[in-house]
Amino acid sequence: MSESHWLFLCRPGAERECAAELGERAGAGYCRLDKGAGWLSWHGFAGVPALPVFARSGWQVQASFSDLDKNDRISQLVALLPGRERFGRVFLEYPDTNDGRGLQRFLRGFRKALEKHLRDQQILVTDSPQVLHLFFTDSLNGFIGVSDTADCPWENGVPRLRLPAAAPSRSALKLEEGWLRLMSPSEQDVLIRPGQQAVDLGAAPGGWTWQLARRGLRVTAVDHGRLDRAVLDEWPVTHVSADAFTWHPHRPVDWLVCDIVDKPARTLSLMSKWLSAGWARQALFNLKLPMARRWDTVSRLLAKLQEALPDWDIRAAQLYHDRDEVTVLALPGPGA
């Protein structure tokens, strides 16, 4: 059995957490990483079962390139592409670091020339689900990989979201990205519908409440703090000034969301109580992370939630718009 090589993009500083998860879940293999690099490679003899919680994107490496000729990068890269493969999209990727983001100007110009060449050679076509990944550690070195669009829908693993001026806070982007990362489009259509009832625990100033309300949900926002006035004036939102850890609804709601700043074990216990009691039919929430042993903490808490809700589908990811936290989605399974 030959060794496979995978590359994963992550938040700078999360490389060790990603490596720890791969070591636990991906079987025999080893990681190569540099702390703060924003990416790591996995070498093993089995496929990777799922995208790690702490990874934004991941794909199998087909080749590496080094010391490209500045005057003829394209020909050298095309010579390394898998034979007879056709691609529907090209992702030009880089580490999410200061040095990596410095490649953006170079890549903008390079993309135009590269894509024209690939179209002329009928390597870049309109009807292929395949994605060609060119990951640059600098302008002359990097890796080539291939994925399916369904597995890697966004370049660098980051959906391009805009914060509307009406949003009460930037945290609104967390909920939007959480839906995109953790739910398929068809699941969103079925599970997030106008007229549903939702509760936002720890809602102030109202970023998540606003996201729910603009999708047509009727929201109860629970927080002793004040909500943005426009959220209350323009949307079907009820503000309840109460303790998020003791308040609960009189009847079940469709959605529970929560972005409380507290110890992750305490937040998870609250979410588990709501879902076990049937106060909410599904939930999306954030777990704030400790300074050390982050994967150990996340792994233990997710296992605890799954034990409490054995028939539920539990998904988690560290989002681009997250900071020191992980976003968790809990959906009832067929037996729940």
Foldseek 3Di string as FASTA:
>chain_A
DDKWKKKFFFQQQCVVLQQVVCPVQVPDWHKDDDHRQRMIMIIDDGDRPARDQGTLAMFTFQWKFAQADPVPNQVVVVVSDPPPAAAQEEAEAEHPDPQGVVCVVVVVVVVVVNVVVCVVVRRHDNPDQKYWYFYDPHPGIGTIGIDGCVRQVDHSSADDDDDDPPAPDPCLVVVVVCCVVPHDPVCCVVQQAAAFEEEEQQQPQHSVVQNSFVRRYQYEYEDLDYYDPCSVVPGNYHYDDDHSQPDADPAATAEYEYEDPDAQLSVLVSVLVCVLVRNYQKYKYKHAADPPPGSVVVVVSVVVSCVSQVQWDKDKHQHPPHDRIIMIIIHGHPVD
